[in-house]
Amino acid sequence: MTELILTLKNRCKAIPYIAQKREDGTVDHGFRVLKGRPEEIPSIPEVRDSEALQYALAAINEEQTAFFTVGCEKDLNQSPEGFWARGYLEFSFNNAAAAMADHYFQLFFQFNRHCWASRCDFPVQYHFEIEEADFQESGSRGFTTAVWMTTLCLPAAEALAAWGQAARFLADFLASIKQGPMPVIYGRPQMV
């Protein structure tokens, strides 16, 4: 039932990015450095009502992981067939050399294999969107990926539960990839 998709976006984002109101009236709360700062996660407006997002941000931003988060969101939507949850976790490799596009292709492949090996059968589509990024504070360029997770139409509680399970599964996979002793974009390099 789980489906995986990979696409490339033809644009570049600056990180950090500032908070702003979007054309559709929603608010982008801006980029916050969470790498190694778990105490700041509850203050992120997008995660206040989502234990799954709080868990994912904490797991992905641990000091020893190879990643830092860039953004996140989740929504519960209704259609005539039922409810569907949709949201994303956006992250980057935490060093300029690894933040290049080829590493994200390899990551997608590894996650795909992990799903097969785990017999992952969530009613969810994982959509990896790779996008170029200008990491302004480190003066480097690379890429990020936003992994959109969208459930099938289900009763509301089931849609939220499936989305949360999918987000935790992704976060656990990412947290299992450790950072090497290379220069990092945020936080401190780990010695091996």
C-alpha atoms as a PDB file:
ATOM      1  CA  MET A   1       0.000   0.000   0.000  1.00  0.00           C
ATOM      2  CA  THR A   2       2.930   2.379   0.651  1.00  0.00           C
ATOM      3  CA  GLU A   3       4.058   4.298  -2.435  1.00  0.00           C
ATOM      4  CA  LEU A   4       7.324   6.194  -2.961  1.00  0.00           C
ATOM      5  CA  ILE A   5       7.922   8.980  -5.499  1.00  0.00           C
ATOM      6  CA  LEU A   6      10.999  11.124  -6.221  1.00  0.00           C
ATOM      7  CA  THR A   7      10.954  14.490  -8.044  1.00  0.00           C
ATOM      8  CA  LEU A   8      13.271  17.454  -8.522  1.00  0.00           C
ATOM      9  CA  LYS A   9      12.058  21.034  -8.075  1.00  0.00           C
ATOM     10  CA  ASN A  10      13.581  23.607 -10.381  1.00  0.00           C
ATOM     11  CA  ARG A  11      14.150  26.395  -7.876  1.00  0.00           C
ATOM     12  CA  CYS A  12      16.539  27.393  -5.118  1.00  0.00           C
ATOM     13  CA  LYS A  13      15.668  28.430  -1.571  1.00  0.00           C
ATOM     14  CA  ALA A  14      17.744  30.467   0.833  1.00  0.00           C
ATOM     15  CA  ILE A  15      18.329  29.011   4.293  1.00  0.00           C
ATOM     16  CA  PRO A  16      17.684  30.571   6.714  1.00  0.00           C
ATOM     17  CA  TYR A  17      14.402  31.988   5.429  1.00  0.00           C
ATOM     18  CA  ILE A  18      12.281  34.529   7.258  1.00  0.00           C
ATOM     19  CA  ALA A  19       8.731  34.285   8.564  1.00  0.00           C
ATOM     20  CA  GLN A  20       6.134  35.662   6.186  1.00  0.00           C
ATOM     21  CA  LYS A  21       2.474  35.601   5.277  1.00  0.00           C
ATOM     22  CA  ARG A  22       1.771  33.656   2.082  1.00  0.00           C
ATOM     23  CA  GLU A  23      -0.525  34.757  -0.737  1.00  0.00           C
ATOM     24  CA  ASP A  24      -3.131  32.181   0.360  1.00  0.00           C
ATOM     25  CA  GLY A  25      -3.293  33.787   3.834  1.00  0.00           C
ATOM     26  CA  THR A  26      -1.351  31.067   5.675  1.00  0.00           C
ATOM     27  CA  VAL A  27       1.782  31.873   7.646  1.00  0.00           C
ATOM     28  CA  ASP A  28       5.283  30.527   7.073  1.00  0.00           C
ATOM     29  CA  HIS A  29       6.924  30.772  10.497  1.00  0.00           C
ATOM     30  CA  GLY A  30      10.459  30.836   9.071  1.00  0.00           C
ATOM     31  CA  PHE A  31      13.550  28.703   9.581  1.00  0.00           C
ATOM     32  CA  ARG A  32      14.782  27.870  13.076  1.00  0.00           C
ATOM     33  CA  VAL A  33      17.982  26.021  13.908  1.00  0.00           C
ATOM     34  CA  LEU A  34      16.900  22.947  15.895  1.00  0.00           C
ATOM     35  CA  LYS A  35      20.067  20.856  15.489  1.00  0.00           C
ATOM     36  CA  GLY A  36      21.049  19.852  19.018  1.00  0.00           C
ATOM     37  CA  ARG A  37      18.330  22.099  20.519  1.00  0.00           C
ATOM     38  CA  PRO A  38      15.435  19.778  21.471  1.00  0.00           C
ATOM     39  CA  GLU A  39      14.153  22.243  24.068  1.00  0.00           C
ATOM     40  CA  GLU A  40      13.068  24.600  21.250  1.00  0.00           C
ATOM     41  CA  ILE A  41      10.852  22.076  19.438  1.00  0.00           C
ATOM     42  CA  PRO A  42       7.645  22.709  21.465  1.00  0.00           C
ATOM     43  CA  SER A  43       7.798  26.404  20.490  1.00  0.00           C
ATOM     44  CA  ILE A  44       7.436  25.586  16.772  1.00  0.00           C
ATOM     45  CA  PRO A  45       3.806  26.475  15.871  1.00  0.00           C
ATOM     46  CA  GLU A  46       3.490  23.705  13.255  1.00  0.00           C
ATOM     47  CA  VAL A  47       4.167  20.922  15.793  1.00  0.00           C
ATOM     48  CA  ARG A  48       2.148  22.016  18.827  1.00  0.00           C
ATOM     49  CA  ASP A  49      -0.724  19.648  18.000  1.00  0.00           C
ATOM     50  CA  SER A  50       1.380  16.793  16.591  1.00  0.00           C
ATOM     51  CA  GLU A  51       3.320  14.373  18.759  1.00  0.00           C
ATOM     52  CA  ALA A  52       4.554  12.694  15.564  1.00  0.00           C
ATOM     53  CA  LEU A  53       6.132  15.932  14.267  1.00  0.00           C
ATOM     54  CA  GLN A  54       7.660  16.688  17.665  1.00  0.00           C
ATOM     55  CA  TYR A  55       9.148  13.185  17.736  1.00  0.00           C
ATOM     56  CA  ALA A  56      10.439  13.507  14.158  1.00  0.00           C
ATOM     57  CA  LEU A  57      12.092  16.893  14.755  1.00  0.00           C
ATOM     58  CA  ALA A  58      13.776  15.603  17.913  1.00  0.00           C
ATOM     59  CA  ALA A  59      15.037  12.423  16.223  1.00  0.00           C
ATOM     60  CA  ILE A  60      16.300  14.078  13.030  1.00  0.00           C
ATOM     61  CA  ASN A  61      18.000  16.990  14.863  1.00  0.00           C
ATOM     62  CA  GLU A  62      19.954  14.910  17.390  1.00  0.00           C
ATOM     63  CA  GLU A  63      23.617  15.995  17.420  1.00  0.00           C
ATOM     64  CA  GLN A  64      24.897  12.699  16.014  1.00  0.00           C
ATOM     65  CA  THR A  65      22.528  12.434  13.019  1.00  0.00           C
ATOM     66  CA  ALA A  66      23.641  13.371   9.502  1.00  0.00           C
ATOM     67  CA  PHE A  67      20.760  15.847   9.058  1.00  0.00           C
ATOM     68  CA  PHE A  68      19.087  19.018  10.264  1.00  0.00           C
ATOM     69  CA  THR A  69      15.468  19.958   9.613  1.00  0.00           C
ATOM     70  CA  VAL A  70      14.475  22.876   7.408  1.00  0.00           C
ATOM     71  CA  GLY A  71      10.695  22.903   7.837  1.00  0.00           C
ATOM     72  CA  CYS A  72       7.579  20.866   8.516  1.00  0.00           C
ATOM     73  CA  GLU A  73       3.798  20.953   8.343  1.00  0.00           C
ATOM     74  CA  LYS A  74       0.751  18.707   8.607  1.00  0.00           C
ATOM     75  CA  ASP A  75      -2.950  19.122   7.800  1.00  0.00           C
ATOM     76  CA  LEU A  76      -6.095  17.044   8.033  1.00  0.00           C
ATOM     77  CA  ASN A  77      -8.289  17.510   4.974  1.00  0.00           C
ATOM     78  CA  GLN A  78     -11.798  16.336   4.154  1.00  0.00           C
ATOM     79  CA  SER A  79     -13.264  15.077   0.899  1.00  0.00           C
ATOM     80  CA  PRO A  80     -16.594  13.336   0.161  1.00  0.00           C
ATOM     81  CA  GLU A  81     -14.804   9.968   0.570  1.00  0.00           C
ATOM     82  CA  GLY A  82     -13.405  10.722   4.031  1.00  0.00           C
ATOM     83  CA  PHE A  83     -10.377  12.409   5.550  1.00  0.00           C
ATOM     84  CA  TRP A  84      -6.775  12.452   4.425  1.00  0.00           C
ATOM     85  CA  ALA A  85      -3.736  13.738   6.250  1.00  0.00           C
ATOM     86  CA  ARG A  86      -0.918  15.436   4.379  1.00  0.00           C
ATOM     87  CA  GLY A  87       2.254  17.091   5.521  1.00  0.00           C
ATOM     88  CA  TYR A  88       5.987  17.146   5.099  1.00  0.00           C
ATOM     89  CA  LEU A  89       9.342  17.022   6.810  1.00  0.00           C
ATOM     90  CA  GLU A  90      12.074  18.968   5.029  1.00  0.00           C
ATOM     91  CA  PHE A  91      15.695  18.301   5.901  1.00  0.00           C
ATOM     92  CA  SER A  92      19.222  18.625   4.629  1.00  0.00           C
ATOM     93  CA  PHE A  93      22.418  16.687   5.060  1.00  0.00           C
ATOM     94  CA  ASN A  94      24.401  18.631   7.650  1.00  0.00           C
ATOM     95  CA  ASN A  95      27.581  19.114   5.658  1.00  0.00           C
ATOM     96  CA  ALA A  96      28.139  20.834   2.349  1.00  0.00           C
ATOM     97  CA  ALA A  97      29.804  17.844   0.663  1.00  0.00           C
ATOM     98  CA  ALA A  98      26.922  15.499   1.498  1.00  0.00           C
ATOM     99  CA  ALA A  99      24.200  18.052   0.736  1.00  0.00           C
ATOM    100  CA  MET A 100      24.664  17.510  -3.000  1.00  0.00           C
ATOM    101  CA  ALA A 101      21.883  16.008  -5.149  1.00  0.00           C
ATOM    102  CA  ASP A 102      23.506  12.597  -5.680  1.00  0.00           C
ATOM    103  CA  HIS A 103      23.396  11.911  -1.937  1.00  0.00           C
ATOM    104  CA  TYR A 104      19.616  12.467  -1.936  1.00  0.00           C
ATOM    105  CA  PHE A 105      19.164   9.983  -4.781  1.00  0.00           C
ATOM    106  CA  GLN A 106      21.100   7.445  -2.717  1.00  0.00           C
ATOM    107  CA  LEU A 107      19.043   8.314   0.367  1.00  0.00           C
ATOM    108  CA  PHE A 108      15.801   7.792  -1.566  1.00  0.00           C
ATOM    109  CA  PHE A 109      17.070   4.426  -2.789  1.00  0.00           C
ATOM    110  CA  GLN A 110      18.073   3.392   0.756  1.00  0.00           C
ATOM    111  CA  PHE A 111      14.699   4.464   2.156  1.00  0.00           C
ATOM    112  CA  ASN A 112      12.941   2.523  -0.598  1.00  0.00           C
ATOM    113  CA  ARG A 113      14.958  -0.597   0.310  1.00  0.00           C
ATOM    114  CA  HIS A 114      14.244   0.030   4.014  1.00  0.00           C
ATOM    115  CA  CYS A 115      10.510   0.125   3.278  1.00  0.00           C
ATOM    116  CA  TRP A 116      10.730  -3.190   1.406  1.00  0.00           C
ATOM    117  CA  ALA A 117      12.835  -4.839   4.123  1.00  0.00           C
ATOM    118  CA  SER A 118      10.470  -3.592   6.838  1.00  0.00           C
ATOM    119  CA  ARG A 119       7.432  -4.734   4.852  1.00  0.00           C
ATOM    120  CA  CYS A 120       6.132  -1.186   5.206  1.00  0.00           C
ATOM    121  CA  ASP A 121       2.421  -1.189   4.447  1.00  0.00           C
ATOM    122  CA  PHE A 122       1.123   2.204   5.562  1.00  0.00           C
ATOM    123  CA  PRO A 123      -1.785   3.707   3.587  1.00  0.00           C
ATOM    124  CA  VAL A 124       0.605   6.557   2.727  1.00  0.00           C
ATOM    125  CA  GLN A 125       2.475   7.993  -0.233  1.00  0.00           C
ATOM    126  CA  TYR A 126       6.004   9.305   0.450  1.00  0.00           C
ATOM    127  CA  HIS A 127       6.954  11.966  -2.096  1.00  0.00           C
ATOM    128  CA  PHE A 128      10.598  13.098  -1.932  1.00  0.00           C
ATOM    129  CA  GLU A 129      11.078  16.572  -3.501  1.00  0.00           C
ATOM    130  CA  ILE A 130      14.720  17.534  -3.948  1.00  0.00           C
ATOM    131  CA  GLU A 131      15.373  21.289  -4.197  1.00  0.00           C
ATOM    132  CA  GLU A 132      18.522  23.366  -4.466  1.00  0.00           C
ATOM    133  CA  ALA A 133      19.451  25.438  -1.410  1.00  0.00           C
ATOM    134  CA  ASP A 134      21.748  28.345  -0.616  1.00  0.00           C
ATOM    135  CA  PHE A 135      22.999  27.826   2.950  1.00  0.00           C
ATOM    136  CA  GLN A 136      23.747  31.476   3.634  1.00  0.00           C
ATOM    137  CA  GLU A 137      25.366  31.192   7.066  1.00  0.00           C
ATOM    138  CA  SER A 138      27.949  28.645   5.894  1.00  0.00           C
ATOM    139  CA  GLY A 139      28.376  30.211   2.442  1.00  0.00           C
ATOM    140  CA  SER A 140      27.702  26.899   0.697  1.00  0.00           C
ATOM    141  CA  ARG A 141      25.183  25.592  -1.808  1.00  0.00           C
ATOM    142  CA  GLY A 142      23.574  22.198  -1.827  1.00  0.00           C
ATOM    143  CA  PHE A 143      20.137  20.629  -1.681  1.00  0.00           C
ATOM    144  CA  THR A 144      17.323  19.793   0.701  1.00  0.00           C
ATOM    145  CA  THR A 145      14.519  17.316   0.373  1.00  0.00           C
ATOM    146  CA  ALA A 146      10.949  17.722   1.526  1.00  0.00           C
ATOM    147  CA  VAL A 147       9.280  14.376   2.077  1.00  0.00           C
ATOM    148  CA  TRP A 148       5.536  14.840   1.630  1.00  0.00           C
ATOM    149  CA  MET A 149       3.438  12.160   3.296  1.00  0.00           C
ATOM    150  CA  THR A 150      -0.168  11.823   2.131  1.00  0.00           C
ATOM    151  CA  THR A 151      -2.606   9.219   3.432  1.00  0.00           C
ATOM    152  CA  LEU A 152      -5.457   7.543   1.617  1.00  0.00           C
ATOM    153  CA  CYS A 153      -8.987   8.708   2.492  1.00  0.00           C
ATOM    154  CA  LEU A 154      -9.845   7.235   5.884  1.00  0.00           C
ATOM    155  CA  PRO A 155     -11.840   8.122   9.000  1.00  0.00           C
ATOM    156  CA  ALA A 156     -10.191  11.192  10.579  1.00  0.00           C
ATOM    157  CA  ALA A 157      -8.541   9.399  13.518  1.00  0.00           C
ATOM    158  CA  GLU A 158      -7.182   6.670  11.239  1.00  0.00           C
ATOM    159  CA  ALA A 159      -5.778   9.207   8.772  1.00  0.00           C
ATOM    160  CA  LEU A 160      -3.950  11.076  11.551  1.00  0.00           C
ATOM    161  CA  ALA A 161      -2.670   7.823  13.066  1.00  0.00           C
ATOM    162  CA  ALA A 162      -1.393   6.561   9.695  1.00  0.00           C
ATOM    163  CA  TRP A 163       0.299   9.888   8.983  1.00  0.00           C
ATOM    164  CA  GLY A 164       1.935   9.889  12.408  1.00  0.00           C
ATOM    165  CA  GLN A 165       3.146   6.323  11.939  1.00  0.00           C
ATOM    166  CA  ALA A 166       4.617   7.237   8.544  1.00  0.00           C
ATOM    167  CA  ALA A 167       6.370  10.337   9.953  1.00  0.00           C
ATOM    168  CA  ARG A 168       7.893   8.344  12.825  1.00  0.00           C
ATOM    169  CA  PHE A 169       9.045   5.616  10.421  1.00  0.00           C
ATOM    170  CA  LEU A 170      10.808   8.210   8.243  1.00  0.00           C
ATOM    171  CA  ALA A 171      12.336   9.951  11.280  1.00  0.00           C
ATOM    172  CA  ASP A 172      13.670   6.679  12.698  1.00  0.00           C
ATOM    173  CA  PHE A 173      15.260   5.863   9.338  1.00  0.00           C
ATOM    174  CA  LEU A 174      16.915   9.301   9.117  1.00  0.00           C
ATOM    175  CA  ALA A 175      18.066   9.196  12.745  1.00  0.00           C
ATOM    176  CA  SER A 176      19.854   5.905  12.043  1.00  0.00           C
ATOM    177  CA  ILE A 177      22.208   7.700   9.612  1.00  0.00           C
ATOM    178  CA  LYS A 178      25.012   9.219  11.637  1.00  0.00           C
ATOM    179  CA  GLN A 179      27.105  12.300  10.958  1.00  0.00           C
ATOM    180  CA  GLY A 180      30.783  11.832  10.200  1.00  0.00           C
ATOM    181  CA  PRO A 181      33.687  14.045  11.316  1.00  0.00           C
ATOM    182  CA  MET A 182      33.294  16.416   8.325  1.00  0.00           C
ATOM    183  CA  PRO A 183      32.635  20.155   8.636  1.00  0.00           C
ATOM    184  CA  VAL A 184      28.952  20.688   9.369  1.00  0.00           C
ATOM    185  CA  ILE A 185      26.450  23.404   8.484  1.00  0.00           C
ATOM    186  CA  TYR A 186      24.831  23.477  11.987  1.00  0.00           C
ATOM    187  CA  GLY A 187      26.030  22.030  15.310  1.00  0.00           C
ATOM    188  CA  ARG A 188      29.296  20.266  16.062  1.00  0.00           C
ATOM    189  CA  PRO A 189      30.930  17.470  14.045  1.00  0.00           C
ATOM    190  CA  GLN A 190      30.999  14.137  15.859  1.00  0.00           C
ATOM    191  CA  MET A 191      34.307  12.380  16.290  1.00  0.00           C
ATOM    192  CA  VAL A 192      34.377   8.749  15.151  1.00  0.00           C
END
